Each structure stands twice: as structure tokens, then as C-alpha cells.
Amino acid sequence: MQDNSEERLVALETKLSYLEDYVNKLQDVAVSQSKEIDVLREENRVISARFRELLDSLEDIPNRKPPHY
């Protein structure tokens, strides 16, 4: 009976160790992805601002025929 309990305890400790390792790796991935999302958000903000600037500059050009017509 004692031997069976010890085997079960070792099996549980082994599973717990694997789960702890898995959670740590998962946390590392989540932190990495969070940083990447922050970078992508900033890039998106910059590109959107530049796009708005380009659209505003296009509105300033009058819609008229070129002089050779």
C-alpha cells in the first residue's frame, strides 16, 4: 500500500512539473505576443496618420483640366 501511494505521489509530482513548465512557456509566449501587438499598434497608428495626411493633401489639389486642353 505504501509503495502504491509513493508511485502515485511521484506521478503527480511529475505531472505537476510538466504543467509548471508548460505554463511558464505559455506565459513567455503571451508576453512576447503582447509586446508584438504593442509594436503593431504603434505602426498602425503611424501609418494611419500618414494616410490621413496624404488624403488631406489630395483634397487641396483642384480638380481642373490641364493647360493643354
C-alpha atoms as a PDB file:
ATOM      1  CA  MET A   1       0.000   0.000   0.000  1.00  0.00           C
ATOM      2  CA  GLN A   2       2.815   2.395   0.894  1.00  0.00           C
ATOM      3  CA  ASP A   3       4.603   1.606  -2.378  1.00  0.00           C
ATOM      4  CA  ASN A   4       1.451   2.363  -4.423  1.00  0.00           C
ATOM      5  CA  SER A   5       0.979   5.713  -2.664  1.00  0.00           C
ATOM      6  CA  GLU A   6       4.574   6.692  -3.310  1.00  0.00           C
ATOM      7  CA  GLU A   7       4.250   5.809  -7.013  1.00  0.00           C
ATOM      8  CA  ARG A   8       1.116   7.904  -7.256  1.00  0.00           C
ATOM      9  CA  LEU A   9       2.827  10.799  -5.479  1.00  0.00           C
ATOM     10  CA  VAL A  10       5.794  10.621  -7.857  1.00  0.00           C
ATOM     11  CA  ALA A  11       3.427  10.509 -10.846  1.00  0.00           C
ATOM     12  CA  LEU A  12       1.552  13.569  -9.558  1.00  0.00           C
ATOM     13  CA  GLU A  13       4.791  15.466  -8.941  1.00  0.00           C
ATOM     14  CA  THR A  14       5.953  14.616 -12.448  1.00  0.00           C
ATOM     15  CA  LYS A  15       2.706  15.842 -13.968  1.00  0.00           C
ATOM     16  CA  LEU A  16       2.860  18.995 -11.858  1.00  0.00           C
ATOM     17  CA  SER A  17       6.403  19.645 -13.025  1.00  0.00           C
ATOM     18  CA  TYR A  18       5.379  19.304 -16.684  1.00  0.00           C
ATOM     19  CA  LEU A  19       2.370  21.563 -16.116  1.00  0.00           C
ATOM     20  CA  GLU A  20       4.529  24.224 -14.447  1.00  0.00           C
ATOM     21  CA  ASP A  21       6.931  24.129 -17.380  1.00  0.00           C
ATOM     22  CA  TYR A  22       4.038  24.377 -19.846  1.00  0.00           C
ATOM     23  CA  VAL A  23       2.512  27.341 -18.002  1.00  0.00           C
ATOM     24  CA  ASN A  24       5.865  29.141 -17.926  1.00  0.00           C
ATOM     25  CA  LYS A  25       6.343  28.625 -21.670  1.00  0.00           C
ATOM     26  CA  LEU A  26       2.778  29.749 -22.334  1.00  0.00           C
ATOM     27  CA  GLN A  27       3.344  32.874 -20.255  1.00  0.00           C
ATOM     28  CA  ASP A  28       6.532  33.646 -22.203  1.00  0.00           C
ATOM     29  CA  VAL A  29       4.613  33.346 -25.470  1.00  0.00           C
ATOM     30  CA  ALA A  30       1.812  35.569 -24.163  1.00  0.00           C
ATOM     31  CA  VAL A  31       4.297  38.261 -23.069  1.00  0.00           C
ATOM     32  CA  SER A  32       6.091  38.080 -26.418  1.00  0.00           C
ATOM     33  CA  GLN A  33       2.834  38.379 -28.338  1.00  0.00           C
ATOM     34  CA  SER A  34       1.720  41.278 -26.164  1.00  0.00           C
ATOM     35  CA  LYS A  35       4.928  43.160 -26.988  1.00  0.00           C
ATOM     36  CA  GLU A  36       4.484  42.394 -30.691  1.00  0.00           C
ATOM     37  CA  ILE A  37       0.877  43.622 -30.572  1.00  0.00           C
ATOM     38  CA  ASP A  38       2.056  46.876 -28.989  1.00  0.00           C
ATOM     39  CA  VAL A  39       4.598  47.363 -31.791  1.00  0.00           C
ATOM     40  CA  LEU A  40       1.981  46.606 -34.452  1.00  0.00           C
ATOM     41  CA  ARG A  41      -0.485  49.038 -32.867  1.00  0.00           C
ATOM     42  CA  GLU A  42       2.117  51.789 -32.944  1.00  0.00           C
ATOM     43  CA  GLU A  43       2.962  51.018 -36.582  1.00  0.00           C
ATOM     44  CA  ASN A  44      -0.740  51.050 -37.433  1.00  0.00           C
ATOM     45  CA  ARG A  45      -1.135  54.418 -35.704  1.00  0.00           C
ATOM     46  CA  VAL A  46       1.777  55.907 -37.657  1.00  0.00           C
ATOM     47  CA  ILE A  47       0.553  54.507 -40.984  1.00  0.00           C
ATOM     48  CA  SER A  48      -2.993  55.744 -40.329  1.00  0.00           C
ATOM     49  CA  ALA A  49      -1.722  59.226 -39.515  1.00  0.00           C
ATOM     50  CA  ARG A  50       0.390  59.290 -42.680  1.00  0.00           C
ATOM     51  CA  PHE A  51      -2.565  58.067 -44.739  1.00  0.00           C
ATOM     52  CA  ARG A  52      -4.756  60.841 -43.315  1.00  0.00           C
ATOM     53  CA  GLU A  53      -2.058  63.387 -44.193  1.00  0.00           C
ATOM     54  CA  LEU A  54      -1.944  62.091 -47.767  1.00  0.00           C
ATOM     55  CA  LEU A  55      -5.724  62.240 -48.076  1.00  0.00           C
ATOM     56  CA  ASP A  56      -5.760  65.799 -46.777  1.00  0.00           C
ATOM     57  CA  SER A  57      -3.094  66.837 -49.275  1.00  0.00           C
ATOM     58  CA  LEU A  58      -5.091  65.283 -52.138  1.00  0.00           C
ATOM     59  CA  GLU A  59      -8.116  67.405 -51.273  1.00  0.00           C
ATOM     60  CA  ASP A  60      -6.042  70.564 -51.725  1.00  0.00           C
ATOM     61  CA  ILE A  61      -5.396  69.806 -55.402  1.00  0.00           C
ATOM     62  CA  PRO A  62      -8.093  71.459 -57.517  1.00  0.00           C
ATOM     63  CA  ASN A  63      -9.974  69.308 -59.975  1.00  0.00           C
ATOM     64  CA  ARG A  64      -9.389  71.206 -63.203  1.00  0.00           C
ATOM     65  CA  LYS A  65      -8.271  70.446 -66.707  1.00  0.00           C
ATOM     66  CA  PRO A  66      -4.563  70.659 -67.520  1.00  0.00           C
ATOM     67  CA  PRO A  67      -3.485  73.755 -69.516  1.00  0.00           C
ATOM     68  CA  HIS A  68      -3.033  71.888 -72.800  1.00  0.00           C
ATOM     69  CA  TYR A  69      -6.756  71.119 -73.177  1.00  0.00           C
END
